[in-house]
Amino acid sequence: MARIEGVNPERAEKRIRAVLEAQAKKWGGPLLNHLVYARRPTIFQGARGMWGGLDASGLVEPALTALVNRRVAYLNGCEF
């Protein structure tokens, strides 16, 4: 559980809501960090831009990205 409460996806801006709905479809619910980012749309867009840029660059393999995400979650005491 996040220390900062995330947004209600139904009340999020249309563009943000679309991302959260896609996450729910893919993973069964929106990612908690994105719910927190969505409290400030500019921060949400920046975080999404970073991940989109990493994906588009082709410099980091998707499997490595998944491993890094899991490791960071572990280090933060977060279930992934």
PDB file of N, CA and C in Angstrom:
ATOM      1  N   MET A   1       0.844  -1.175   0.000  1.00  0.00           N
ATOM      2  CA  MET A   1       0.000   0.000   0.000  1.00  0.00           C
ATOM      3  C   MET A   1       0.892   1.242   0.000  1.00  0.00           C
ATOM      4  N   ALA A   2       0.555   2.170  -0.864  1.00  0.00           N
ATOM      5  CA  ALA A   2       1.339   3.400  -0.973  1.00  0.00           C
ATOM      6  C   ALA A   2       1.077   4.308   0.224  1.00  0.00           C
ATOM      7  N   ARG A   3       2.099   5.050   0.612  1.00  0.00           N
ATOM      8  CA  ARG A   3       1.929   6.018   1.698  1.00  0.00           C
ATOM      9  C   ARG A   3       1.123   7.213   1.226  1.00  0.00           C
ATOM     10  N   ILE A   4       1.168   7.482  -0.069  1.00  0.00           N
ATOM     11  CA  ILE A   4       0.398   8.574  -0.657  1.00  0.00           C
ATOM     12  C   ILE A   4      -0.728   7.955  -1.461  1.00  0.00           C
ATOM     13  N   GLU A   5      -1.924   8.389  -1.192  1.00  0.00           N
ATOM     14  CA  GLU A   5      -3.079   7.829  -1.892  1.00  0.00           C
ATOM     15  C   GLU A   5      -3.080   8.275  -3.343  1.00  0.00           C
ATOM     16  N   GLY A   6      -3.310   7.324  -4.237  1.00  0.00           N
ATOM     17  CA  GLY A   6      -3.375   7.615  -5.659  1.00  0.00           C
ATOM     18  C   GLY A   6      -4.736   8.161  -6.053  1.00  0.00           C
ATOM     19  N   VAL A   7      -4.833   8.523  -7.305  1.00  0.00           N
ATOM     20  CA  VAL A   7      -6.088   9.065  -7.820  1.00  0.00           C
ATOM     21  C   VAL A   7      -7.100   7.942  -8.044  1.00  0.00           C
ATOM     22  N   ASN A   8      -8.345   8.331  -8.098  1.00  0.00           N
ATOM     23  CA  ASN A   8      -9.403   7.422  -8.518  1.00  0.00           C
ATOM     24  C   ASN A   8      -9.354   7.416 -10.047  1.00  0.00           C
ATOM     25  N   PRO A   9      -9.074   6.275 -10.680  1.00  0.00           N
ATOM     26  CA  PRO A   9      -8.942   6.245 -12.133  1.00  0.00           C
ATOM     27  C   PRO A   9     -10.153   6.812 -12.874  1.00  0.00           C
ATOM     28  N   GLU A  10     -11.328   6.665 -12.295  1.00  0.00           N
ATOM     29  CA  GLU A  10     -12.536   7.170 -12.951  1.00  0.00           C
ATOM     30  C   GLU A  10     -12.580   8.698 -12.977  1.00  0.00           C
ATOM     31  N   ARG A  11     -11.818   9.342 -12.095  1.00  0.00           N
ATOM     32  CA  ARG A  11     -11.809  10.809 -12.023  1.00  0.00           C
ATOM     33  C   ARG A  11     -10.570  11.423 -12.669  1.00  0.00           C
ATOM     34  N   ALA A  12      -9.701  10.588 -13.210  1.00  0.00           N
ATOM     35  CA  ALA A  12      -8.469  11.077 -13.833  1.00  0.00           C
ATOM     36  C   ALA A  12      -8.775  11.715 -15.188  1.00  0.00           C
ATOM     37  N   GLU A  13      -7.839  12.553 -15.636  1.00  0.00           N
ATOM     38  CA  GLU A  13      -7.964  13.143 -16.965  1.00  0.00           C
ATOM     39  C   GLU A  13      -8.095  12.040 -18.005  1.00  0.00           C
ATOM     40  N   LYS A  14      -8.699  12.361 -19.123  1.00  0.00           N
ATOM     41  CA  LYS A  14      -8.984  11.369 -20.155  1.00  0.00           C
ATOM     42  C   LYS A  14      -7.731  10.621 -20.611  1.00  0.00           C
ATOM     43  N   ARG A  15      -6.638  11.351 -20.888  1.00  0.00           N
ATOM     44  CA  ARG A  15      -5.401  10.697 -21.360  1.00  0.00           C
ATOM     45  C   ARG A  15      -4.827   9.777 -20.296  1.00  0.00           C
ATOM     46  N   ILE A  16      -4.866  10.221 -19.058  1.00  0.00           N
ATOM     47  CA  ILE A  16      -4.341   9.405 -17.959  1.00  0.00           C
ATOM     48  C   ILE A  16      -5.233   8.192 -17.741  1.00  0.00           C
ATOM     49  N   ARG A  17      -6.522   8.416 -17.785  1.00  0.00           N
ATOM     50  CA  ARG A  17      -7.474   7.315 -17.597  1.00  0.00           C
ATOM     51  C   ARG A  17      -7.250   6.222 -18.648  1.00  0.00           C
ATOM     52  N   ALA A  18      -6.946   6.619 -19.877  1.00  0.00           N
ATOM     53  CA  ALA A  18      -6.697   5.629 -20.939  1.00  0.00           C
ATOM     54  C   ALA A  18      -5.492   4.752 -20.609  1.00  0.00           C
ATOM     55  N   VAL A  19      -4.441   5.359 -20.073  1.00  0.00           N
ATOM     56  CA  VAL A  19      -3.250   4.588 -19.685  1.00  0.00           C
ATOM     57  C   VAL A  19      -3.593   3.644 -18.533  1.00  0.00           C
ATOM     58  N   LEU A  20      -4.300   4.149 -17.542  1.00  0.00           N
ATOM     59  CA  LEU A  20      -4.653   3.323 -16.383  1.00  0.00           C
ATOM     60  C   LEU A  20      -5.570   2.171 -16.793  1.00  0.00           C
ATOM     61  N   GLU A  21      -6.477   2.418 -17.724  1.00  0.00           N
ATOM     62  CA  GLU A  21      -7.363   1.352 -18.209  1.00  0.00           C
ATOM     63  C   GLU A  21      -6.576   0.297 -18.970  1.00  0.00           C
ATOM     64  N   ALA A  22      -5.587   0.727 -19.757  1.00  0.00           N
ATOM     65  CA  ALA A  22      -4.747  -0.230 -20.487  1.00  0.00           C
ATOM     66  C   ALA A  22      -3.955  -1.093 -19.509  1.00  0.00           C
ATOM     67  N   GLN A  23      -3.464  -0.484 -18.438  1.00  0.00           N
ATOM     68  CA  GLN A  23      -2.740  -1.247 -17.422  1.00  0.00           C
ATOM     69  C   GLN A  23      -3.672  -2.258 -16.755  1.00  0.00           C
ATOM     70  N   ALA A  24      -4.893  -1.828 -16.459  1.00  0.00           N
ATOM     71  CA  ALA A  24      -5.861  -2.732 -15.828  1.00  0.00           C
ATOM     72  C   ALA A  24      -6.156  -3.920 -16.736  1.00  0.00           C
ATOM     73  N   LYS A  25      -6.252  -3.655 -18.020  1.00  0.00           N
ATOM     74  CA  LYS A  25      -6.523  -4.732 -18.973  1.00  0.00           C
ATOM     75  C   LYS A  25      -5.350  -5.706 -19.039  1.00  0.00           C
ATOM     76  N   LYS A  26      -4.123  -5.168 -19.008  1.00  0.00           N
ATOM     77  CA  LYS A  26      -2.933  -6.005 -19.138  1.00  0.00           C
ATOM     78  C   LYS A  26      -2.567  -6.728 -17.848  1.00  0.00           C
ATOM     79  N   TRP A  27      -2.651  -6.013 -16.691  1.00  0.00           N
ATOM     80  CA  TRP A  27      -2.167  -6.568 -15.431  1.00  0.00           C
ATOM     81  C   TRP A  27      -3.255  -6.766 -14.373  1.00  0.00           C
ATOM     82  N   GLY A  28      -4.491  -6.492 -14.698  1.00  0.00           N
ATOM     83  CA  GLY A  28      -5.575  -6.693 -13.742  1.00  0.00           C
ATOM     84  C   GLY A  28      -5.871  -5.493 -12.872  1.00  0.00           C
ATOM     85  N   GLY A  29      -5.125  -4.423 -13.020  1.00  0.00           N
ATOM     86  CA  GLY A  29      -5.357  -3.187 -12.277  1.00  0.00           C
ATOM     87  C   GLY A  29      -4.290  -2.178 -12.647  1.00  0.00           C
ATOM     88  N   PRO A  30      -4.578  -0.910 -12.428  1.00  0.00           N
ATOM     89  CA  PRO A  30      -3.561   0.097 -12.720  1.00  0.00           C
ATOM     90  C   PRO A  30      -2.380  -0.042 -11.762  1.00  0.00           C
ATOM     91  N   LEU A  31      -1.197   0.282 -12.251  1.00  0.00           N
ATOM     92  CA  LEU A  31      -0.001   0.208 -11.416  1.00  0.00           C
ATOM     93  C   LEU A  31      -0.061   1.297 -10.343  1.00  0.00           C
ATOM     94  N   LEU A  32       0.254   0.925  -9.118  1.00  0.00           N
ATOM     95  CA  LEU A  32       0.121   1.852  -7.996  1.00  0.00           C
ATOM     96  C   LEU A  32       0.975   3.104  -8.168  1.00  0.00           C
ATOM     97  N   ASN A  33       2.193   2.947  -8.698  1.00  0.00           N
ATOM     98  CA  ASN A  33       3.026   4.131  -8.868  1.00  0.00           C
ATOM     99  C   ASN A  33       2.393   5.108  -9.862  1.00  0.00           C
ATOM    100  N   HIS A  34       1.718   4.595 -10.873  1.00  0.00           N
ATOM    101  CA  HIS A  34       1.066   5.475 -11.841  1.00  0.00           C
ATOM    102  C   HIS A  34      -0.135   6.193 -11.222  1.00  0.00           C
ATOM    103  N   LEU A  35      -0.804   5.538 -10.290  1.00  0.00           N
ATOM    104  CA  LEU A  35      -1.909   6.209  -9.598  1.00  0.00           C
ATOM    105  C   LEU A  35      -1.394   7.394  -8.785  1.00  0.00           C
ATOM    106  N   VAL A  36      -0.211   7.238  -8.217  1.00  0.00           N
ATOM    107  CA  VAL A  36       0.391   8.338  -7.453  1.00  0.00           C
ATOM    108  C   VAL A  36       0.878   9.426  -8.410  1.00  0.00           C
ATOM    109  N   TYR A  37       1.577   9.029  -9.480  1.00  0.00           N
ATOM    110  CA  TYR A  37       2.027  10.017 -10.473  1.00  0.00           C
ATOM    111  C   TYR A  37       0.852  10.831 -11.005  1.00  0.00           C
ATOM    112  N   ALA A  38      -0.291  10.193 -11.172  1.00  0.00           N
ATOM    113  CA  ALA A  38      -1.453  10.842 -11.773  1.00  0.00           C
ATOM    114  C   ALA A  38      -2.021  11.962 -10.903  1.00  0.00           C
ATOM    115  N   ARG A  39      -1.577  12.053  -9.664  1.00  0.00           N
ATOM    116  CA  ARG A  39      -2.014  13.177  -8.822  1.00  0.00           C
ATOM    117  C   ARG A  39      -1.554  14.499  -9.427  1.00  0.00           C
ATOM    118  N   ARG A  40      -0.449  14.450 -10.160  1.00  0.00           N
ATOM    119  CA  ARG A  40       0.078  15.626 -10.861  1.00  0.00           C
ATOM    120  C   ARG A  40       0.307  15.224 -12.318  1.00  0.00           C
ATOM    121  N   PRO A  41      -0.596  15.608 -13.201  1.00  0.00           N
ATOM    122  CA  PRO A  41      -0.509  15.181 -14.604  1.00  0.00           C
ATOM    123  C   PRO A  41       0.843  15.452 -15.267  1.00  0.00           C
ATOM    124  N   THR A  42       1.511  16.541 -14.918  1.00  0.00           N
ATOM    125  CA  THR A  42       2.807  16.805 -15.538  1.00  0.00           C
ATOM    126  C   THR A  42       3.852  15.775 -15.104  1.00  0.00           C
ATOM    127  N   ILE A  43       3.781  15.335 -13.856  1.00  0.00           N
ATOM    128  CA  ILE A  43       4.697  14.302 -13.374  1.00  0.00           C
ATOM    129  C   ILE A  43       4.355  12.978 -14.050  1.00  0.00           C
ATOM    130  N   PHE A  44       3.074  12.688 -14.181  1.00  0.00           N
ATOM    131  CA  PHE A  44       2.630  11.471 -14.859  1.00  0.00           C
ATOM    132  C   PHE A  44       3.168  11.439 -16.285  1.00  0.00           C
ATOM    133  N   GLN A  45       3.014  12.533 -17.001  1.00  0.00           N
ATOM    134  CA  GLN A  45       3.477  12.597 -18.390  1.00  0.00           C
ATOM    135  C   GLN A  45       4.987  12.460 -18.474  1.00  0.00           C
ATOM    136  N   GLY A  46       5.708  13.045 -17.527  1.00  0.00           N
ATOM    137  CA  GLY A  46       7.159  12.910 -17.512  1.00  0.00           C
ATOM    138  C   GLY A  46       7.607  11.476 -17.283  1.00  0.00           C
ATOM    139  N   ALA A  47       6.978  10.806 -16.331  1.00  0.00           N
ATOM    140  CA  ALA A  47       7.330   9.411 -16.041  1.00  0.00           C
ATOM    141  C   ALA A  47       7.003   8.527 -17.240  1.00  0.00           C
ATOM    142  N   ARG A  48       5.842   8.736 -17.829  1.00  0.00           N
ATOM    143  CA  ARG A  48       5.463   7.953 -19.012  1.00  0.00           C
ATOM    144  C   ARG A  48       6.415   8.239 -20.172  1.00  0.00           C
ATOM    145  N   GLY A  49       6.843   9.485 -20.300  1.00  0.00           N
ATOM    146  CA  GLY A  49       7.785   9.835 -21.349  1.00  0.00           C
ATOM    147  C   GLY A  49       9.116   9.131 -21.172  1.00  0.00           C
ATOM    148  N   MET A  50       9.569   9.036 -19.913  1.00  0.00           N
ATOM    149  CA  MET A  50      10.823   8.350 -19.637  1.00  0.00           C
ATOM    150  C   MET A  50      10.733   6.887 -20.053  1.00  0.00           C
ATOM    151  N   TRP A  51       9.678   6.202 -19.622  1.00  0.00           N
ATOM    152  CA  TRP A  51       9.537   4.782 -19.959  1.00  0.00           C
ATOM    153  C   TRP A  51       9.342   4.590 -21.455  1.00  0.00           C
ATOM    154  N   GLY A  52       8.577   5.483 -22.075  1.00  0.00           N
ATOM    155  CA  GLY A  52       8.391   5.401 -23.526  1.00  0.00           C
ATOM    156  C   GLY A  52       9.699   5.607 -24.265  1.00  0.00           C
ATOM    157  N   GLY A  53      10.510   6.551 -23.792  1.00  0.00           N
ATOM    158  CA  GLY A  53      11.811   6.803 -24.410  1.00  0.00           C
ATOM    159  C   GLY A  53      12.753   5.619 -24.274  1.00  0.00           C
ATOM    160  N   LEU A  54      12.753   5.001 -23.104  1.00  0.00           N
ATOM    161  CA  LEU A  54      13.586   3.813 -22.913  1.00  0.00           C
ATOM    162  C   LEU A  54      13.153   2.685 -23.843  1.00  0.00           C
ATOM    163  N   ASP A  55      11.843   2.484 -23.948  1.00  0.00           N
ATOM    164  CA  ASP A  55      11.334   1.440 -24.842  1.00  0.00           C
ATOM    165  C   ASP A  55      11.697   1.737 -26.297  1.00  0.00           C
ATOM    166  N   ALA A  56      11.502   2.983 -26.711  1.00  0.00           N
ATOM    167  CA  ALA A  56      11.745   3.370 -28.100  1.00  0.00           C
ATOM    168  C   ALA A  56      13.228   3.346 -28.463  1.00  0.00           C
ATOM    169  N   SER A  57      14.097   3.557 -27.499  1.00  0.00           N
ATOM    170  CA  SER A  57      15.532   3.624 -27.788  1.00  0.00           C
ATOM    171  C   SER A  57      16.092   2.282 -28.244  1.00  0.00           C
ATOM    172  N   GLY A  58      15.490   1.207 -27.764  1.00  0.00           N
ATOM    173  CA  GLY A  58      15.993  -0.116 -28.092  1.00  0.00           C
ATOM    174  C   GLY A  58      17.290  -0.459 -27.377  1.00  0.00           C
ATOM    175  N   LEU A  59      17.730   0.404 -26.476  1.00  0.00           N
ATOM    176  CA  LEU A  59      18.994   0.178 -25.777  1.00  0.00           C
ATOM    177  C   LEU A  59      18.860  -0.804 -24.614  1.00  0.00           C
ATOM    178  N   VAL A  60      17.655  -0.941 -24.103  1.00  0.00           N
ATOM    179  CA  VAL A  60      17.427  -1.837 -22.966  1.00  0.00           C
ATOM    180  C   VAL A  60      16.408  -2.890 -23.402  1.00  0.00           C
ATOM    181  N   GLU A  61      16.822  -4.142 -23.332  1.00  0.00           N
ATOM    182  CA  GLU A  61      15.938  -5.233 -23.712  1.00  0.00           C
ATOM    183  C   GLU A  61      14.737  -5.295 -22.764  1.00  0.00           C
ATOM    184  N   PRO A  62      13.544  -5.609 -23.282  1.00  0.00           N
ATOM    185  CA  PRO A  62      12.360  -5.698 -22.416  1.00  0.00           C
ATOM    186  C   PRO A  62      12.548  -6.650 -21.229  1.00  0.00           C
ATOM    187  N   ALA A  63      13.237  -7.761 -21.440  1.00  0.00           N
ATOM    188  CA  ALA A  63      13.457  -8.702 -20.333  1.00  0.00           C
ATOM    189  C   ALA A  63      14.315  -8.068 -19.240  1.00  0.00           C
ATOM    190  N   LEU A  64      15.308  -7.288 -19.632  1.00  0.00           N
ATOM    191  CA  LEU A  64      16.149  -6.614 -18.644  1.00  0.00           C
ATOM    192  C   LEU A  64      15.355  -5.545 -17.899  1.00  0.00           C
ATOM    193  N   THR A  65      14.504  -4.823 -18.620  1.00  0.00           N
ATOM    194  CA  THR A  65      13.655  -3.822 -17.982  1.00  0.00           C
ATOM    195  C   THR A  65      12.783  -4.474 -16.907  1.00  0.00           C
ATOM    196  N   ALA A  66      12.210  -5.627 -17.218  1.00  0.00           N
ATOM    197  CA  ALA A  66      11.368  -6.342 -16.253  1.00  0.00           C
ATOM    198  C   ALA A  66      12.184  -6.753 -15.037  1.00  0.00           C
ATOM    199  N   LEU A  67      13.404  -7.241 -15.258  1.00  0.00           N
ATOM    200  CA  LEU A  67      14.251  -7.633 -14.129  1.00  0.00           C
ATOM    201  C   LEU A  67      14.625  -6.440 -13.257  1.00  0.00           C
ATOM    202  N   VAL A  68      14.935  -5.322 -13.898  1.00  0.00           N
ATOM    203  CA  VAL A  68      15.270  -4.111 -13.140  1.00  0.00           C
ATOM    204  C   VAL A  68      14.067  -3.653 -12.322  1.00  0.00           C
ATOM    205  N   ASN A  69      12.891  -3.663 -12.917  1.00  0.00           N
ATOM    206  CA  ASN A  69      11.673  -3.268 -12.187  1.00  0.00           C
ATOM    207  C   ASN A  69      11.460  -4.146 -10.963  1.00  0.00           C
ATOM    208  N   ARG A  70      11.640  -5.426 -11.121  1.00  0.00           N
ATOM    209  CA  ARG A  70      11.456  -6.335  -9.990  1.00  0.00           C
ATOM    210  C   ARG A  70      12.504  -6.099  -8.902  1.00  0.00           C
ATOM    211  N   ARG A  71      13.731  -5.857  -9.314  1.00  0.00           N
ATOM    212  CA  ARG A  71      14.800  -5.616  -8.341  1.00  0.00           C
ATOM    213  C   ARG A  71      14.558  -4.325  -7.559  1.00  0.00           C
ATOM    214  N   VAL A  72      14.160  -3.278  -8.258  1.00  0.00           N
ATOM    215  CA  VAL A  72      13.861  -2.013  -7.593  1.00  0.00           C
ATOM    216  C   VAL A  72      12.682  -2.194  -6.641  1.00  0.00           C
ATOM    217  N   ALA A  73      11.664  -2.906  -7.073  1.00  0.00           N
ATOM    218  CA  ALA A  73      10.517  -3.167  -6.192  1.00  0.00           C
ATOM    219  C   ALA A  73      10.981  -3.908  -4.932  1.00  0.00           C
ATOM    220  N   TYR A  74      11.822  -4.908  -5.102  1.00  0.00           N
ATOM    221  CA  TYR A  74      12.342  -5.658  -3.961  1.00  0.00           C
ATOM    222  C   TYR A  74      13.121  -4.740  -3.012  1.00  0.00           C
ATOM    223  N   LEU A  75      14.007  -3.928  -3.576  1.00  0.00           N
ATOM    224  CA  LEU A  75      14.813  -3.029  -2.748  1.00  0.00           C
ATOM    225  C   LEU A  75      13.956  -2.030  -1.983  1.00  0.00           C
ATOM    226  N   ASN A  76      12.805  -1.676  -2.557  1.00  0.00           N
ATOM    227  CA  ASN A  76      11.896  -0.747  -1.901  1.00  0.00           C
ATOM    228  C   ASN A  76      10.900  -1.444  -0.973  1.00  0.00           C
ATOM    229  N   GLY A  77      11.024  -2.758  -0.854  1.00  0.00           N
ATOM    230  CA  GLY A  77      10.104  -3.513   0.007  1.00  0.00           C
ATOM    231  C   GLY A  77       8.711  -3.600  -0.563  1.00  0.00           C
ATOM    232  N   CYS A  78       8.627  -3.560  -1.883  1.00  0.00           N
ATOM    233  CA  CYS A  78       7.340  -3.562  -2.566  1.00  0.00           C
ATOM    234  C   CYS A  78       7.128  -4.906  -3.259  1.00  0.00           C
ATOM    235  N   GLU A  79       5.940  -5.442  -3.146  1.00  0.00           N
ATOM    236  CA  GLU A  79       5.626  -6.670  -3.868  1.00  0.00           C
ATOM    237  C   GLU A  79       5.417  -6.307  -5.320  1.00  0.00           C
ATOM    238  N   PHE A  80       5.922  -7.131  -6.188  1.00  0.00           N
ATOM    239  CA  PHE A  80       5.774  -6.874  -7.621  1.00  0.00           C
ATOM    240  C   PHE A  80       5.137  -8.057  -8.282  1.00  0.00           C
TER     241      PHE A  80
END
